[in-house]
């Protein structure tokens, strides 16, 4: 039986961190996909070289095409641009809609049974784009915002409470 596979599309800070945690927790073999030549391969190599030191037992690969993602159980889409100063939310939606749409077409073709986790912003709109483009059932397309917001809240709550008590 093949091991589970997670593909992370977008090997920037968020994608690389996601791949790191997935590999370190041995959730599955990990594939990083990005359009920037050499970047996902380099980040995958960094993680593979950390493997003997930290003792995790998964494979990590980087690619500039979607063939390496074939048969993924989970695809995490972090691809897209961040909002720049002066950029409206509508500008961001239009730009990232095209990116997420293209990524979703590619990953759905390679992994038609995958579960999609969208991280790209604006999250709700990008989840809807991925849902519509993939044709997947709604229970296989989700966004990642809830846990992130909860983690941020929990990170600062003990500090705030300690300051009030002290």
N, C-alpha and C. Protein backbone atom coordinates (compact mmCIF):
# COMPACT_ATOMS: atom_id res chain seq x y z
N UNK A 1 0.85 -1.19 0.00
CA UNK A 1 0.00 0.00 0.00
C UNK A 1 0.89 1.25 0.00
N UNK A 2 0.56 2.18 -0.85
CA UNK A 2 1.33 3.43 -0.94
C UNK A 2 1.06 4.30 0.29
N UNK A 3 2.08 5.04 0.67
CA UNK A 3 1.90 5.96 1.79
C UNK A 3 1.05 7.13 1.32
N UNK A 4 0.36 7.78 2.26
CA UNK A 4 -0.42 8.98 1.88
C UNK A 4 0.50 10.06 1.34
N UNK A 5 -0.09 10.94 0.53
CA UNK A 5 0.69 12.03 -0.07
C UNK A 5 -0.05 13.34 0.12
N UNK A 6 0.70 14.35 0.55
CA UNK A 6 0.19 15.71 0.66
C UNK A 6 0.97 16.56 -0.34
N UNK A 7 0.24 17.30 -1.15
CA UNK A 7 0.88 18.27 -2.04
C UNK A 7 0.58 19.66 -1.51
N UNK A 8 1.63 20.49 -1.47
CA UNK A 8 1.48 21.89 -1.09
C UNK A 8 1.82 22.70 -2.33
N UNK A 9 0.84 23.46 -2.83
CA UNK A 9 1.07 24.29 -4.01
C UNK A 9 1.33 25.72 -3.53
N UNK A 10 2.53 26.18 -3.83
CA UNK A 10 3.01 27.47 -3.35
C UNK A 10 4.09 27.21 -2.33
N UNK A 11 5.35 27.39 -2.71
CA UNK A 11 6.47 27.06 -1.83
C UNK A 11 7.07 28.29 -1.17
N UNK A 12 6.28 29.35 -1.03
CA UNK A 12 6.74 30.54 -0.31
C UNK A 12 6.76 30.26 1.18
N UNK A 13 6.73 31.30 1.98
CA UNK A 13 6.83 31.13 3.44
C UNK A 13 5.74 30.23 4.02
N UNK A 14 4.50 30.48 3.64
CA UNK A 14 3.40 29.70 4.19
C UNK A 14 3.47 28.26 3.70
N UNK A 15 3.67 28.07 2.41
CA UNK A 15 3.74 26.72 1.85
C UNK A 15 4.91 25.92 2.40
N UNK A 16 6.07 26.53 2.47
CA UNK A 16 7.25 25.83 2.99
C UNK A 16 7.07 25.46 4.46
N UNK A 17 6.48 26.35 5.22
CA UNK A 17 6.22 26.05 6.63
C UNK A 17 5.22 24.92 6.76
N UNK A 18 4.20 24.94 5.94
CA UNK A 18 3.21 23.87 5.93
C UNK A 18 3.86 22.53 5.61
N UNK A 19 4.71 22.51 4.59
CA UNK A 19 5.42 21.29 4.21
C UNK A 19 6.31 20.81 5.34
N UNK A 20 6.98 21.75 6.00
CA UNK A 20 7.86 21.41 7.12
C UNK A 20 7.09 20.69 8.22
N UNK A 21 5.97 21.28 8.65
CA UNK A 21 5.20 20.67 9.72
C UNK A 21 4.61 19.33 9.31
N UNK A 22 4.14 19.22 8.09
CA UNK A 22 3.57 17.95 7.61
C UNK A 22 4.63 16.86 7.61
N UNK A 23 5.85 17.20 7.16
CA UNK A 23 6.93 16.23 7.14
C UNK A 23 7.37 15.88 8.56
N UNK A 24 7.57 16.88 9.39
CA UNK A 24 8.05 16.65 10.76
C UNK A 24 7.07 15.82 11.58
N UNK A 25 5.78 15.97 11.31
CA UNK A 25 4.76 15.20 12.01
C UNK A 25 4.48 13.86 11.33
N UNK A 26 5.20 13.60 10.23
CA UNK A 26 5.06 12.36 9.45
C UNK A 26 3.61 12.11 9.04
N UNK A 27 2.93 13.18 8.61
CA UNK A 27 1.54 13.04 8.18
C UNK A 27 1.44 12.27 6.87
N UNK A 28 2.44 12.46 5.99
CA UNK A 28 2.42 11.84 4.67
C UNK A 28 3.71 12.22 3.96
N UNK A 29 3.97 11.58 2.82
CA UNK A 29 5.01 12.09 1.93
C UNK A 29 4.54 13.44 1.44
N UNK A 30 5.47 14.35 1.16
CA UNK A 30 5.11 15.73 0.83
C UNK A 30 5.71 16.12 -0.52
N UNK A 31 4.90 16.78 -1.33
CA UNK A 31 5.36 17.35 -2.59
C UNK A 31 5.11 18.85 -2.54
N UNK A 32 6.13 19.63 -2.79
CA UNK A 32 6.01 21.09 -2.91
C UNK A 32 6.00 21.44 -4.39
N UNK A 33 5.00 22.20 -4.82
CA UNK A 33 4.91 22.62 -6.22
C UNK A 33 4.89 24.14 -6.26
N UNK A 34 5.70 24.71 -7.15
CA UNK A 34 5.71 26.16 -7.32
C UNK A 34 6.18 26.47 -8.73
N UNK A 35 5.78 27.65 -9.24
CA UNK A 35 6.18 28.04 -10.59
C UNK A 35 7.60 28.58 -10.65
N UNK A 36 8.18 28.95 -9.52
CA UNK A 36 9.53 29.50 -9.49
C UNK A 36 10.53 28.36 -9.63
N UNK A 37 11.27 28.36 -10.71
CA UNK A 37 12.25 27.30 -10.99
C UNK A 37 13.24 27.15 -9.84
N UNK A 38 13.40 25.94 -9.36
CA UNK A 38 14.39 25.63 -8.34
C UNK A 38 13.95 25.86 -6.90
N UNK A 39 12.95 26.70 -6.68
CA UNK A 39 12.57 27.01 -5.31
C UNK A 39 11.96 25.80 -4.59
N UNK A 40 10.96 25.13 -5.14
CA UNK A 40 10.40 24.00 -4.39
C UNK A 40 11.40 22.85 -4.24
N UNK A 41 12.25 22.70 -5.24
CA UNK A 41 13.27 21.66 -5.15
C UNK A 41 14.26 21.97 -4.02
N UNK A 42 14.66 23.22 -3.90
CA UNK A 42 15.59 23.61 -2.84
C UNK A 42 14.98 23.46 -1.46
N UNK A 43 13.72 23.85 -1.31
CA UNK A 43 13.08 23.74 -0.01
C UNK A 43 12.84 22.27 0.36
N UNK A 44 12.52 21.46 -0.64
CA UNK A 44 12.36 20.03 -0.40
C UNK A 44 13.69 19.41 0.01
N UNK A 45 14.77 19.81 -0.64
CA UNK A 45 16.10 19.30 -0.28
C UNK A 45 16.46 19.69 1.15
N UNK A 46 16.16 20.91 1.54
CA UNK A 46 16.41 21.34 2.92
C UNK A 46 15.70 20.41 3.91
N UNK A 47 14.45 20.10 3.62
CA UNK A 47 13.68 19.23 4.51
C UNK A 47 14.22 17.80 4.51
N UNK A 48 14.61 17.31 3.34
CA UNK A 48 15.18 15.96 3.28
C UNK A 48 16.50 15.88 4.05
N UNK A 49 17.29 16.95 3.99
CA UNK A 49 18.55 16.95 4.72
C UNK A 49 18.35 17.07 6.23
N UNK A 50 17.21 17.60 6.65
CA UNK A 50 16.88 17.65 8.07
C UNK A 50 16.35 16.31 8.59
N UNK A 51 15.91 15.48 7.69
CA UNK A 51 15.29 14.21 8.06
C UNK A 51 16.17 13.34 8.96
N UNK A 52 17.44 13.12 8.65
CA UNK A 52 18.23 12.26 9.54
C UNK A 52 18.50 12.89 10.91
N UNK A 53 18.48 14.21 10.98
CA UNK A 53 18.73 14.88 12.25
C UNK A 53 17.51 14.81 13.16
N UNK A 54 16.33 15.06 12.58
CA UNK A 54 15.11 15.09 13.39
C UNK A 54 14.36 13.76 13.39
N UNK A 55 14.79 12.82 12.54
CA UNK A 55 14.26 11.47 12.60
C UNK A 55 12.88 11.26 12.02
N UNK A 56 12.43 12.12 11.14
CA UNK A 56 11.13 11.84 10.52
C UNK A 56 11.33 10.98 9.29
N UNK A 57 10.32 10.17 8.98
CA UNK A 57 10.45 9.16 7.95
C UNK A 57 9.42 9.36 6.84
N UNK A 58 9.56 10.44 6.11
CA UNK A 58 8.73 10.68 4.94
C UNK A 58 9.63 11.19 3.81
N UNK A 59 9.14 11.09 2.61
CA UNK A 59 9.84 11.64 1.45
C UNK A 59 9.32 13.04 1.19
N UNK A 60 10.19 13.94 0.78
CA UNK A 60 9.80 15.30 0.42
C UNK A 60 10.41 15.60 -0.94
N UNK A 61 9.58 16.05 -1.87
CA UNK A 61 10.05 16.36 -3.22
C UNK A 61 9.54 17.73 -3.63
N UNK A 62 10.27 18.37 -4.53
CA UNK A 62 9.86 19.67 -5.07
C UNK A 62 9.73 19.56 -6.57
N UNK A 63 8.79 20.31 -7.13
CA UNK A 63 8.56 20.25 -8.58
C UNK A 63 7.99 21.57 -9.09
N UNK A 64 8.19 21.78 -10.38
CA UNK A 64 7.60 22.95 -11.04
C UNK A 64 6.42 22.55 -11.92
N UNK A 65 6.05 21.29 -11.90
CA UNK A 65 4.86 20.86 -12.63
C UNK A 65 4.01 19.99 -11.70
N UNK A 66 2.81 19.73 -12.13
CA UNK A 66 1.85 19.06 -11.27
C UNK A 66 1.91 17.54 -11.35
N UNK A 67 2.70 16.99 -12.26
CA UNK A 67 2.79 15.54 -12.39
C UNK A 67 3.24 14.89 -11.08
N UNK A 68 4.14 15.56 -10.36
CA UNK A 68 4.64 15.02 -9.09
C UNK A 68 3.54 14.93 -8.03
N UNK A 69 2.47 15.68 -8.21
CA UNK A 69 1.38 15.68 -7.23
C UNK A 69 0.37 14.56 -7.47
N UNK A 70 0.53 13.82 -8.54
CA UNK A 70 -0.44 12.79 -8.94
C UNK A 70 -0.76 11.84 -7.78
N UNK A 71 -2.04 11.64 -7.55
CA UNK A 71 -2.49 10.71 -6.52
C UNK A 71 -2.44 11.26 -5.11
N UNK A 72 -2.37 12.56 -4.96
CA UNK A 72 -2.34 13.15 -3.62
C UNK A 72 -3.65 12.92 -2.88
N UNK A 73 -3.54 12.67 -1.60
CA UNK A 73 -4.71 12.52 -0.74
C UNK A 73 -5.23 13.88 -0.29
N UNK A 74 -4.30 14.79 -0.06
CA UNK A 74 -4.62 16.15 0.37
C UNK A 74 -3.80 17.11 -0.47
N UNK A 75 -4.43 18.18 -0.94
CA UNK A 75 -3.72 19.25 -1.64
C UNK A 75 -3.99 20.54 -0.89
N UNK A 76 -2.92 21.19 -0.46
CA UNK A 76 -3.02 22.45 0.26
C UNK A 76 -2.58 23.55 -0.70
N UNK A 77 -3.48 24.48 -0.96
CA UNK A 77 -3.20 25.56 -1.92
C UNK A 77 -2.89 26.84 -1.15
N UNK A 78 -1.62 27.24 -1.22
CA UNK A 78 -1.18 28.49 -0.59
C UNK A 78 -0.82 29.52 -1.66
N UNK A 79 -0.88 29.12 -2.92
CA UNK A 79 -0.46 29.98 -4.03
C UNK A 79 -1.33 31.23 -4.12
N UNK A 80 -0.71 32.31 -4.53
CA UNK A 80 -1.41 33.58 -4.69
C UNK A 80 -0.51 34.70 -4.23
N UNK A 81 -0.97 35.91 -4.41
CA UNK A 81 -0.18 37.05 -3.97
C UNK A 81 -0.81 37.63 -2.71
N UNK A 82 0.00 38.28 -1.93
CA UNK A 82 -0.50 39.01 -0.76
C UNK A 82 -0.95 40.39 -1.22
N UNK A 83 -1.89 40.97 -0.50
CA UNK A 83 -2.36 42.30 -0.86
C UNK A 83 -1.26 43.32 -0.64
N UNK A 84 -1.02 44.11 -1.64
CA UNK A 84 0.02 45.14 -1.58
C UNK A 84 -0.60 46.47 -1.17
N UNK A 85 0.21 47.40 -0.66
CA UNK A 85 -0.33 48.71 -0.29
C UNK A 85 -1.06 49.34 -1.47
N UNK A 86 -2.24 49.88 -1.19
CA UNK A 86 -3.04 50.52 -2.22
C UNK A 86 -3.88 49.56 -3.04
N UNK A 87 -3.70 48.29 -2.84
CA UNK A 87 -4.46 47.29 -3.59
C UNK A 87 -5.80 47.06 -2.90
N UNK A 88 -6.86 47.10 -3.68
CA UNK A 88 -8.18 46.86 -3.10
C UNK A 88 -8.40 45.36 -2.92
N UNK A 89 -9.36 45.05 -2.11
CA UNK A 89 -9.74 43.64 -1.91
C UNK A 89 -10.22 43.03 -3.23
N UNK A 90 -10.89 43.84 -4.04
CA UNK A 90 -11.37 43.36 -5.35
C UNK A 90 -10.20 43.04 -6.27
N UNK A 91 -9.15 43.87 -6.22
CA UNK A 91 -7.95 43.58 -7.02
C UNK A 91 -7.35 42.24 -6.61
N UNK A 92 -7.28 42.02 -5.31
CA UNK A 92 -6.73 40.77 -4.79
C UNK A 92 -7.59 39.59 -5.23
N UNK A 93 -8.89 39.74 -5.13
CA UNK A 93 -9.80 38.66 -5.56
C UNK A 93 -9.55 38.32 -7.02
N UNK A 94 -9.50 39.32 -7.87
CA UNK A 94 -9.34 39.06 -9.30
C UNK A 94 -8.01 38.38 -9.62
N UNK A 95 -6.94 38.84 -8.98
CA UNK A 95 -5.62 38.24 -9.24
C UNK A 95 -5.57 36.81 -8.71
N UNK A 96 -5.93 36.62 -7.45
CA UNK A 96 -5.83 35.30 -6.86
C UNK A 96 -6.87 34.33 -7.40
N UNK A 97 -7.99 34.84 -7.89
CA UNK A 97 -9.00 33.97 -8.51
C UNK A 97 -8.39 33.24 -9.70
N UNK A 98 -7.64 33.96 -10.50
CA UNK A 98 -7.01 33.34 -11.67
C UNK A 98 -5.96 32.31 -11.24
N UNK A 99 -5.17 32.65 -10.25
CA UNK A 99 -4.13 31.74 -9.77
C UNK A 99 -4.76 30.48 -9.18
N UNK A 100 -5.69 30.65 -8.26
CA UNK A 100 -6.33 29.50 -7.59
C UNK A 100 -7.11 28.66 -8.60
N UNK A 101 -7.74 29.30 -9.56
CA UNK A 101 -8.47 28.57 -10.59
C UNK A 101 -7.54 27.66 -11.40
N UNK A 102 -6.42 28.23 -11.85
CA UNK A 102 -5.46 27.44 -12.63
C UNK A 102 -4.85 26.31 -11.80
N UNK A 103 -4.48 26.60 -10.57
CA UNK A 103 -3.92 25.58 -9.69
C UNK A 103 -4.94 24.46 -9.46
N UNK A 104 -6.17 24.84 -9.18
CA UNK A 104 -7.21 23.85 -8.90
C UNK A 104 -7.45 22.94 -10.10
N UNK A 105 -7.49 23.50 -11.30
CA UNK A 105 -7.66 22.66 -12.51
C UNK A 105 -6.55 21.62 -12.58
N UNK A 106 -5.33 22.05 -12.35
CA UNK A 106 -4.17 21.14 -12.43
C UNK A 106 -4.23 20.04 -11.37
N UNK A 107 -4.48 20.43 -10.12
CA UNK A 107 -4.46 19.42 -9.05
C UNK A 107 -5.66 18.49 -9.14
N UNK A 108 -6.81 19.00 -9.56
CA UNK A 108 -7.98 18.14 -9.70
C UNK A 108 -7.76 17.09 -10.79
N UNK A 109 -7.06 17.46 -11.85
CA UNK A 109 -6.76 16.52 -12.93
C UNK A 109 -5.79 15.43 -12.45
N UNK A 110 -4.82 15.81 -11.62
CA UNK A 110 -3.82 14.86 -11.13
C UNK A 110 -4.32 14.03 -9.94
N UNK A 111 -5.19 14.61 -9.14
CA UNK A 111 -5.64 13.96 -7.89
C UNK A 111 -7.14 14.13 -7.73
N UNK A 112 -7.92 13.43 -8.53
CA UNK A 112 -9.38 13.64 -8.52
C UNK A 112 -10.08 13.21 -7.23
N UNK A 113 -9.38 12.50 -6.36
CA UNK A 113 -9.99 12.08 -5.09
C UNK A 113 -9.43 12.83 -3.89
N UNK A 114 -8.67 13.88 -4.15
CA UNK A 114 -8.02 14.63 -3.07
C UNK A 114 -9.01 15.46 -2.27
N UNK A 115 -8.57 15.81 -1.10
CA UNK A 115 -9.25 16.76 -0.23
C UNK A 115 -8.48 18.06 -0.38
N UNK A 116 -9.15 19.16 -0.70
CA UNK A 116 -8.49 20.45 -0.91
C UNK A 116 -8.59 21.31 0.34
N UNK A 117 -7.45 21.85 0.75
CA UNK A 117 -7.41 22.83 1.84
C UNK A 117 -6.87 24.12 1.25
N UNK A 118 -7.67 25.15 1.27
CA UNK A 118 -7.30 26.43 0.67
C UNK A 118 -6.78 27.35 1.76
N UNK A 119 -5.64 27.99 1.47
CA UNK A 119 -5.05 28.96 2.39
C UNK A 119 -4.99 30.34 1.73
N UNK A 120 -5.05 30.38 0.41
CA UNK A 120 -4.95 31.63 -0.35
C UNK A 120 -6.06 32.60 0.03
N UNK A 121 -5.75 33.89 -0.03
CA UNK A 121 -6.69 34.94 0.36
C UNK A 121 -7.25 35.68 -0.84
N UNK A 122 -8.40 36.29 -0.70
CA UNK A 122 -9.33 36.23 0.43
C UNK A 122 -9.96 34.83 0.51
N UNK A 123 -9.83 34.24 1.66
CA UNK A 123 -10.08 32.81 1.84
C UNK A 123 -11.45 32.34 1.38
N UNK A 124 -12.52 32.97 1.84
CA UNK A 124 -13.86 32.50 1.48
C UNK A 124 -14.06 32.49 -0.03
N UNK A 125 -13.63 33.55 -0.68
CA UNK A 125 -13.77 33.63 -2.14
C UNK A 125 -12.93 32.56 -2.83
N UNK A 126 -11.71 32.32 -2.34
CA UNK A 126 -10.84 31.34 -2.98
C UNK A 126 -11.34 29.92 -2.75
N UNK A 127 -11.97 29.67 -1.61
CA UNK A 127 -12.59 28.36 -1.38
C UNK A 127 -13.71 28.12 -2.38
N UNK A 128 -14.49 29.15 -2.62
CA UNK A 128 -15.59 29.03 -3.57
C UNK A 128 -15.05 28.78 -4.98
N UNK A 129 -13.99 29.48 -5.36
CA UNK A 129 -13.37 29.27 -6.67
C UNK A 129 -12.90 27.82 -6.79
N UNK A 130 -12.18 27.32 -5.79
CA UNK A 130 -11.68 25.95 -5.83
C UNK A 130 -12.82 24.94 -5.88
N UNK A 131 -13.86 25.19 -5.13
CA UNK A 131 -15.03 24.30 -5.12
C UNK A 131 -15.67 24.24 -6.51
N UNK A 132 -15.89 25.39 -7.11
CA UNK A 132 -16.53 25.43 -8.42
C UNK A 132 -15.64 24.83 -9.51
N UNK A 133 -14.37 25.20 -9.52
CA UNK A 133 -13.46 24.75 -10.57
C UNK A 133 -13.18 23.25 -10.46
N UNK A 134 -13.01 22.75 -9.23
CA UNK A 134 -12.66 21.34 -9.05
C UNK A 134 -13.82 20.41 -9.38
N UNK A 135 -15.05 20.87 -9.11
CA UNK A 135 -16.20 19.99 -9.24
C UNK A 135 -16.29 18.98 -8.12
N UNK A 136 -15.43 19.14 -7.10
CA UNK A 136 -15.44 18.22 -5.96
C UNK A 136 -16.67 18.48 -5.10
N UNK A 137 -17.10 17.47 -4.34
CA UNK A 137 -18.18 17.70 -3.38
C UNK A 137 -17.74 18.72 -2.33
N UNK A 138 -18.67 19.43 -1.77
CA UNK A 138 -18.33 20.50 -0.84
C UNK A 138 -17.62 20.01 0.41
N UNK A 139 -17.78 18.75 0.77
CA UNK A 139 -17.09 18.24 1.96
C UNK A 139 -15.62 17.89 1.68
N UNK A 140 -15.15 18.14 0.44
CA UNK A 140 -13.74 17.91 0.12
C UNK A 140 -13.01 19.19 -0.23
N UNK A 141 -13.63 20.34 0.04
CA UNK A 141 -12.98 21.64 -0.19
C UNK A 141 -13.21 22.49 1.06
N UNK A 142 -12.12 22.90 1.69
CA UNK A 142 -12.28 23.70 2.90
C UNK A 142 -11.19 24.76 3.00
N UNK A 143 -11.44 25.74 3.84
CA UNK A 143 -10.46 26.79 4.09
C UNK A 143 -9.79 26.58 5.43
N UNK A 144 -8.68 27.26 5.65
CA UNK A 144 -7.85 27.04 6.82
C UNK A 144 -7.97 28.15 7.87
N UNK A 145 -8.83 29.09 7.73
CA UNK A 145 -8.81 30.27 8.59
C UNK A 145 -9.16 30.01 10.05
N UNK A 146 -10.12 29.20 10.34
CA UNK A 146 -10.59 29.04 11.70
C UNK A 146 -9.51 28.67 12.69
N UNK A 147 -8.72 27.67 12.39
CA UNK A 147 -7.68 27.24 13.32
C UNK A 147 -6.59 28.29 13.45
N UNK A 148 -6.30 29.00 12.38
CA UNK A 148 -5.29 30.04 12.44
C UNK A 148 -5.73 31.16 13.38
N UNK A 149 -6.97 31.59 13.23
CA UNK A 149 -7.49 32.63 14.11
C UNK A 149 -7.50 32.18 15.56
N UNK A 150 -7.89 30.92 15.79
CA UNK A 150 -7.91 30.38 17.15
C UNK A 150 -6.50 30.32 17.73
N UNK A 151 -5.54 29.89 16.93
CA UNK A 151 -4.15 29.81 17.41
C UNK A 151 -3.62 31.19 17.77
N UNK A 152 -3.93 32.17 16.94
CA UNK A 152 -3.48 33.54 17.24
C UNK A 152 -4.08 34.03 18.55
N UNK A 153 -5.36 33.77 18.73
CA UNK A 153 -6.04 34.17 19.96
C UNK A 153 -5.40 33.50 21.17
N UNK A 154 -5.20 32.20 21.09
CA UNK A 154 -4.64 31.45 22.21
C UNK A 154 -3.19 31.85 22.49
N UNK A 155 -2.48 32.24 21.47
CA UNK A 155 -1.09 32.66 21.66
C UNK A 155 -1.01 33.87 22.58
N UNK A 156 -1.92 34.78 22.43
CA UNK A 156 -1.84 36.02 23.19
C UNK A 156 -2.68 36.01 24.46
N UNK A 157 -3.62 35.12 24.61
CA UNK A 157 -4.47 35.10 25.78
C UNK A 157 -3.69 34.87 27.08
N UNK A 158 -2.83 33.86 27.19
CA UNK A 158 -2.11 33.68 28.47
C UNK A 158 -1.24 34.88 28.83
N UNK A 159 -0.61 35.49 27.85
CA UNK A 159 0.22 36.65 28.09
C UNK A 159 -0.63 37.81 28.62
N UNK A 160 -1.78 38.00 28.00
CA UNK A 160 -2.67 39.08 28.43
C UNK A 160 -3.15 38.84 29.85
N UNK A 161 -3.49 37.60 30.14
CA UNK A 161 -3.98 37.27 31.49
C UNK A 161 -2.88 37.43 32.53
N UNK A 162 -1.65 37.01 32.19
CA UNK A 162 -0.54 37.13 33.13
C UNK A 162 -0.23 38.59 33.43
N UNK A 163 -0.33 39.46 32.41
CA UNK A 163 -0.06 40.88 32.60
C UNK A 163 -1.09 41.52 33.51
N UNK A 164 -2.35 41.11 33.39
CA UNK A 164 -3.41 41.68 34.22
C UNK A 164 -3.27 41.23 35.67
N UNK A 165 -2.80 39.98 35.87
CA UNK A 165 -2.66 39.47 37.22
C UNK A 165 -1.44 40.02 37.94
N UNK A 166 -0.38 40.31 37.17
CA UNK A 166 0.90 40.73 37.75
C UNK A 166 0.89 42.17 38.11
